[in-house]
């Protein structure tokens, strides 16, 4: 009778050797292509996270002196600080061509200084559209600031970023808009 050879031990040994080679290859690849320290995300958001209380205090000081409303035709909405922005914030309806908005600045203190405003239209995954600096004129306790005529080529959702220069710093305000 012939002897039958059993190849199970060789099969197990081959599987173990293949596993060992794969583990060594993975370690070599992990060492050679180690992830680099990517602090761009942290750098971008650390300032906001660490200064949010200062930003809120600045917005509250602004709110005590000024009240803003953004009007377009029949709509009259109050732009909000980005911290308070939520999905229920009402939309400002715009058209594709010849939009002109008026920012009405109500001064609670008549001796309050005039502010400078700039407006930018933001759309996800697109380059921001600079609408420009708002031209303001005084009318009693109110200041009317008008945008130049502007066109928005794409229909859909936008966010209007209004930057007010208040106490030497930019104060951002957001108003969601929809172009039909």
C-alpha atoms as a PDB file:
ATOM      1  CA  UNK A   1       0.000   0.000   0.000  1.00  0.00           C
ATOM      2  CA  UNK A   2       1.181   3.387  -0.878  1.00  0.00           C
ATOM      3  CA  UNK A   3       1.405   6.126   1.609  1.00  0.00           C
ATOM      4  CA  UNK A   4      -0.915   9.057   1.081  1.00  0.00           C
ATOM      5  CA  UNK A   5       0.571  12.410   1.647  1.00  0.00           C
ATOM      6  CA  UNK A   6      -1.378  14.986   3.606  1.00  0.00           C
ATOM      7  CA  UNK A   7      -1.014  18.520   2.221  1.00  0.00           C
ATOM      8  CA  UNK A   8      -3.030  20.317   4.891  1.00  0.00           C
ATOM      9  CA  UNK A   9       0.003  21.435   6.914  1.00  0.00           C
ATOM     10  CA  UNK A  10       1.608  22.880   3.779  1.00  0.00           C
ATOM     11  CA  UNK A  11      -1.603  24.735   2.886  1.00  0.00           C
ATOM     12  CA  UNK A  12      -1.833  26.224   6.364  1.00  0.00           C
ATOM     13  CA  UNK A  13       1.833  27.254   6.188  1.00  0.00           C
ATOM     14  CA  UNK A  14       1.311  28.923   2.781  1.00  0.00           C
ATOM     15  CA  UNK A  15      -1.714  30.885   4.080  1.00  0.00           C
ATOM     16  CA  UNK A  16       0.283  32.036   7.126  1.00  0.00           C
ATOM     17  CA  UNK A  17       3.221  33.121   4.946  1.00  0.00           C
ATOM     18  CA  UNK A  18       0.927  35.048   2.573  1.00  0.00           C
ATOM     19  CA  UNK A  19      -0.668  36.771   5.585  1.00  0.00           C
ATOM     20  CA  UNK A  20       2.765  37.658   6.982  1.00  0.00           C
ATOM     21  CA  UNK A  21       3.866  39.101   3.615  1.00  0.00           C
ATOM     22  CA  UNK A  22       0.667  41.185   3.404  1.00  0.00           C
ATOM     23  CA  UNK A  23       1.140  42.544   6.934  1.00  0.00           C
ATOM     24  CA  UNK A  24       4.768  43.470   6.194  1.00  0.00           C
ATOM     25  CA  UNK A  25       3.693  45.155   2.929  1.00  0.00           C
ATOM     26  CA  UNK A  26       0.991  47.154   4.754  1.00  0.00           C
ATOM     27  CA  UNK A  27       3.461  48.296   7.424  1.00  0.00           C
ATOM     28  CA  UNK A  28       5.963  49.385   4.758  1.00  0.00           C
ATOM     29  CA  UNK A  29       3.260  51.313   2.858  1.00  0.00           C
ATOM     30  CA  UNK A  30       2.010  52.925   6.092  1.00  0.00           C
ATOM     31  CA  UNK A  31       5.516  54.053   7.031  1.00  0.00           C
ATOM     32  CA  UNK A  32       6.390  55.281   3.555  1.00  0.00           C
ATOM     33  CA  UNK A  33       3.100  57.160   2.996  1.00  0.00           C
ATOM     34  CA  UNK A  34       2.374  58.435   6.486  1.00  0.00           C
ATOM     35  CA  UNK A  35      -0.439  61.017   6.673  1.00  0.00           C
ATOM     36  CA  UNK A  36       0.767  64.596   6.862  1.00  0.00           C
ATOM     37  CA  UNK A  37      -0.452  66.910   9.578  1.00  0.00           C
ATOM     38  CA  UNK A  38      -3.387  68.724   7.966  1.00  0.00           C
ATOM     39  CA  UNK A  39      -4.290  71.659  10.145  1.00  0.00           C
ATOM     40  CA  UNK A  40      -6.070  73.691   7.471  1.00  0.00           C
ATOM     41  CA  UNK A  41      -9.509  72.656   8.728  1.00  0.00           C
ATOM     42  CA  UNK A  42      -8.575  73.324  12.339  1.00  0.00           C
ATOM     43  CA  UNK A  43      -6.896  76.600  11.446  1.00  0.00           C
ATOM     44  CA  UNK A  44      -9.994  77.697   9.552  1.00  0.00           C
ATOM     45  CA  UNK A  45     -12.422  76.993  12.395  1.00  0.00           C
ATOM     46  CA  UNK A  46     -10.294  77.569  15.483  1.00  0.00           C
ATOM     47  CA  UNK A  47     -10.599  81.349  15.270  1.00  0.00           C
ATOM     48  CA  UNK A  48     -14.393  81.185  15.174  1.00  0.00           C
ATOM     49  CA  UNK A  49     -14.564  78.597  17.940  1.00  0.00           C
ATOM     50  CA  UNK A  50     -12.257  80.472  20.288  1.00  0.00           C
ATOM     51  CA  UNK A  51     -13.727  83.920  19.593  1.00  0.00           C
ATOM     52  CA  UNK A  52     -17.442  83.124  19.378  1.00  0.00           C
ATOM     53  CA  UNK A  53     -18.201  84.833  22.700  1.00  0.00           C
ATOM     54  CA  UNK A  54     -16.407  87.998  21.562  1.00  0.00           C
ATOM     55  CA  UNK A  55     -18.271  87.885  18.251  1.00  0.00           C
ATOM     56  CA  UNK A  56     -21.631  87.474  20.000  1.00  0.00           C
ATOM     57  CA  UNK A  57     -20.819  90.336  22.393  1.00  0.00           C
ATOM     58  CA  UNK A  58     -19.935  92.526  19.413  1.00  0.00           C
ATOM     59  CA  UNK A  59     -23.209  91.604  17.682  1.00  0.00           C
ATOM     60  CA  UNK A  60     -25.226  92.362  20.838  1.00  0.00           C
ATOM     61  CA  UNK A  61     -23.485  95.750  21.183  1.00  0.00           C
ATOM     62  CA  UNK A  62     -24.311  96.400  17.521  1.00  0.00           C
ATOM     63  CA  UNK A  63     -27.961  95.410  18.082  1.00  0.00           C
ATOM     64  CA  UNK A  64     -28.303  97.884  20.964  1.00  0.00           C
ATOM     65  CA  UNK A  65     -27.284 100.784  18.733  1.00  0.00           C
ATOM     66  CA  UNK A  66     -28.578  99.760  15.294  1.00  0.00           C
ATOM     67  CA  UNK A  67     -31.509  97.826  13.857  1.00  0.00           C
ATOM     68  CA  UNK A  68     -31.289  96.695  10.233  1.00  0.00           C
ATOM     69  CA  UNK A  69     -33.891  95.698   7.705  1.00  0.00           C
ATOM     70  CA  UNK A  70     -33.262  94.635   4.129  1.00  0.00           C
ATOM     71  CA  UNK A  71     -36.000  95.484   1.665  1.00  0.00           C
ATOM     72  CA  UNK A  72     -36.663  94.387  -1.862  1.00  0.00           C
ATOM     73  CA  UNK A  73     -39.987  95.452  -3.309  1.00  0.00           C
ATOM     74  CA  UNK A  74     -42.685  94.400  -0.845  1.00  0.00           C
ATOM     75  CA  UNK A  75     -40.383  92.318   1.365  1.00  0.00           C
ATOM     76  CA  UNK A  76     -38.769  93.779   4.455  1.00  0.00           C
ATOM     77  CA  UNK A  77     -36.530  91.301   6.314  1.00  0.00           C
ATOM     78  CA  UNK A  78     -33.960  91.552   9.087  1.00  0.00           C
ATOM     79  CA  UNK A  79     -30.538  90.056   8.252  1.00  0.00           C
ATOM     80  CA  UNK A  80     -29.259  87.819  11.044  1.00  0.00           C
ATOM     81  CA  UNK A  81     -25.896  87.068  12.609  1.00  0.00           C
ATOM     82  CA  UNK A  82     -24.622  83.699  11.238  1.00  0.00           C
ATOM     83  CA  UNK A  83     -24.751  82.128  14.731  1.00  0.00           C
ATOM     84  CA  UNK A  84     -28.549  82.629  14.780  1.00  0.00           C
ATOM     85  CA  UNK A  85     -29.101  81.504  11.168  1.00  0.00           C
ATOM     86  CA  UNK A  86     -31.398  78.488  10.836  1.00  0.00           C
ATOM     87  CA  UNK A  87     -33.493  76.802   8.111  1.00  0.00           C
ATOM     88  CA  UNK A  88     -36.594  78.756   9.205  1.00  0.00           C
ATOM     89  CA  UNK A  89     -35.026  82.130   8.398  1.00  0.00           C
ATOM     90  CA  UNK A  90     -37.319  83.724   5.767  1.00  0.00           C
ATOM     91  CA  UNK A  91     -36.102  83.933   2.160  1.00  0.00           C
ATOM     92  CA  UNK A  92     -35.637  87.152   0.234  1.00  0.00           C
ATOM     93  CA  UNK A  93     -37.085  86.688  -3.259  1.00  0.00           C
ATOM     94  CA  UNK A  94     -34.960  88.038  -6.103  1.00  0.00           C
ATOM     95  CA  UNK A  95     -35.065  87.974  -9.890  1.00  0.00           C
ATOM     96  CA  UNK A  96     -32.271  87.111 -12.306  1.00  0.00           C
ATOM     97  CA  UNK A  97     -31.857  90.673 -13.580  1.00  0.00           C
ATOM     98  CA  UNK A  98     -31.865  94.229 -12.233  1.00  0.00           C
ATOM     99  CA  UNK A  99     -31.996  93.562  -8.510  1.00  0.00           C
ATOM    100  CA  UNK A 100     -31.592  96.508  -6.189  1.00  0.00           C
ATOM    101  CA  UNK A 101     -31.824  96.129  -2.444  1.00  0.00           C
ATOM    102  CA  UNK A 102     -32.166  98.780   0.227  1.00  0.00           C
ATOM    103  CA  UNK A 103     -30.678  98.316   3.670  1.00  0.00           C
ATOM    104  CA  UNK A 104     -32.525 100.471   6.190  1.00  0.00           C
ATOM    105  CA  UNK A 105     -30.402 101.292   9.233  1.00  0.00           C
ATOM    106  CA  UNK A 106     -32.445 102.438  12.254  1.00  0.00           C
ATOM    107  CA  UNK A 107     -30.255 104.242  14.783  1.00  0.00           C
ATOM    108  CA  UNK A 108     -31.392 103.973  18.395  1.00  0.00           C
ATOM    109  CA  UNK A 109     -28.898 106.699  19.279  1.00  0.00           C
ATOM    110  CA  UNK A 110     -28.882 109.692  16.919  1.00  0.00           C
ATOM    111  CA  UNK A 111     -25.215 110.327  17.695  1.00  0.00           C
ATOM    112  CA  UNK A 112     -24.227 106.839  16.535  1.00  0.00           C
ATOM    113  CA  UNK A 113     -21.667 106.930  13.730  1.00  0.00           C
ATOM    114  CA  UNK A 114     -22.531 105.966  10.185  1.00  0.00           C
ATOM    115  CA  UNK A 115     -21.464 102.511   9.097  1.00  0.00           C
ATOM    116  CA  UNK A 116     -19.939 101.182   5.895  1.00  0.00           C
ATOM    117  CA  UNK A 117     -21.571  98.138   4.332  1.00  0.00           C
ATOM    118  CA  UNK A 118     -20.491  95.744   1.593  1.00  0.00           C
ATOM    119  CA  UNK A 119     -22.607  92.942   0.162  1.00  0.00           C
ATOM    120  CA  UNK A 120     -21.616  89.643  -1.432  1.00  0.00           C
ATOM    121  CA  UNK A 121     -23.844  86.917  -2.910  1.00  0.00           C
ATOM    122  CA  UNK A 122     -22.729  83.426  -1.878  1.00  0.00           C
ATOM    123  CA  UNK A 123     -23.772  80.240  -3.614  1.00  0.00           C
ATOM    124  CA  UNK A 124     -22.548  76.746  -2.673  1.00  0.00           C
ATOM    125  CA  UNK A 125     -19.601  75.476  -4.752  1.00  0.00           C
ATOM    126  CA  UNK A 126     -19.314  78.728  -6.714  1.00  0.00           C
ATOM    127  CA  UNK A 127     -17.151  81.794  -6.617  1.00  0.00           C
ATOM    128  CA  UNK A 128     -18.680  84.593  -4.477  1.00  0.00           C
ATOM    129  CA  UNK A 129     -20.280  87.453  -6.408  1.00  0.00           C
ATOM    130  CA  UNK A 130     -19.272  90.843  -5.004  1.00  0.00           C
ATOM    131  CA  UNK A 131     -22.318  93.097  -5.254  1.00  0.00           C
ATOM    132  CA  UNK A 132     -20.366  96.064  -3.960  1.00  0.00           C
ATOM    133  CA  UNK A 133     -20.298  98.757  -1.347  1.00  0.00           C
ATOM    134  CA  UNK A 134     -23.659 100.192  -0.384  1.00  0.00           C
ATOM    135  CA  UNK A 135     -24.244 103.906  -0.981  1.00  0.00           C
ATOM    136  CA  UNK A 136     -25.854 105.398   2.132  1.00  0.00           C
ATOM    137  CA  UNK A 137     -27.813 108.606   2.687  1.00  0.00           C
ATOM    138  CA  UNK A 138     -29.133 109.972   5.981  1.00  0.00           C
ATOM    139  CA  UNK A 139     -32.869 110.582   6.455  1.00  0.00           C
ATOM    140  CA  UNK A 140     -33.575 111.576  10.057  1.00  0.00           C
ATOM    141  CA  UNK A 141     -32.988 108.695  12.446  1.00  0.00           C
ATOM    142  CA  UNK A 142     -32.740 106.290   9.509  1.00  0.00           C
ATOM    143  CA  UNK A 143     -30.004 105.723   7.026  1.00  0.00           C
ATOM    144  CA  UNK A 144     -30.915 104.245   3.631  1.00  0.00           C
ATOM    145  CA  UNK A 145     -28.176 102.226   1.960  1.00  0.00           C
ATOM    146  CA  UNK A 146     -28.768 101.030  -1.598  1.00  0.00           C
ATOM    147  CA  UNK A 147     -26.935  98.412  -3.590  1.00  0.00           C
ATOM    148  CA  UNK A 148     -25.985  99.038  -7.178  1.00  0.00           C
ATOM    149  CA  UNK A 149     -28.086  97.136  -9.709  1.00  0.00           C
ATOM    150  CA  UNK A 150     -26.892  93.553  -9.902  1.00  0.00           C
ATOM    151  CA  UNK A 151     -27.735  90.376 -11.816  1.00  0.00           C
ATOM    152  CA  UNK A 152     -27.586  86.791 -10.598  1.00  0.00           C
ATOM    153  CA  UNK A 153     -27.170  84.438 -13.535  1.00  0.00           C
ATOM    154  CA  UNK A 154     -28.244  81.170 -11.897  1.00  0.00           C
ATOM    155  CA  UNK A 155     -31.600  80.442 -10.340  1.00  0.00           C
ATOM    156  CA  UNK A 156     -31.762  78.898  -6.897  1.00  0.00           C
ATOM    157  CA  UNK A 157     -30.600  79.515  -3.348  1.00  0.00           C
ATOM    158  CA  UNK A 158     -28.113  82.216  -2.412  1.00  0.00           C
ATOM    159  CA  UNK A 159     -26.942  83.733   0.837  1.00  0.00           C
ATOM    160  CA  UNK A 160     -26.388  87.464   0.923  1.00  0.00           C
ATOM    161  CA  UNK A 161     -23.416  88.278   3.142  1.00  0.00           C
ATOM    162  CA  UNK A 162     -23.592  91.821   4.478  1.00  0.00           C
ATOM    163  CA  UNK A 163     -20.421  93.049   6.156  1.00  0.00           C
ATOM    164  CA  UNK A 164     -20.765  96.064   8.432  1.00  0.00           C
ATOM    165  CA  UNK A 165     -17.651  97.834   9.683  1.00  0.00           C
ATOM    166  CA  UNK A 166     -18.484  98.297  13.386  1.00  0.00           C
ATOM    167  CA  UNK A 167     -15.929  99.473  15.955  1.00  0.00           C
ATOM    168  CA  UNK A 168     -13.085  98.798  13.539  1.00  0.00           C
ATOM    169  CA  UNK A 169     -14.045  95.173  12.842  1.00  0.00           C
ATOM    170  CA  UNK A 170     -16.158  93.452  10.193  1.00  0.00           C
ATOM    171  CA  UNK A 171     -19.498  92.224  11.507  1.00  0.00           C
ATOM    172  CA  UNK A 172     -21.007  89.594   9.167  1.00  0.00           C
ATOM    173  CA  UNK A 173     -24.775  89.357   8.682  1.00  0.00           C
ATOM    174  CA  UNK A 174     -26.547  86.749   6.542  1.00  0.00           C
ATOM    175  CA  UNK A 175     -29.801  86.906   4.594  1.00  0.00           C
ATOM    176  CA  UNK A 176     -30.892  83.831   2.612  1.00  0.00           C
ATOM    177  CA  UNK A 177     -32.280  84.610  -0.828  1.00  0.00           C
ATOM    178  CA  UNK A 178     -33.870  82.712  -3.695  1.00  0.00           C
ATOM    179  CA  UNK A 179     -33.582  83.698  -7.347  1.00  0.00           C
ATOM    180  CA  UNK A 180     -36.541  82.734  -9.510  1.00  0.00           C
END
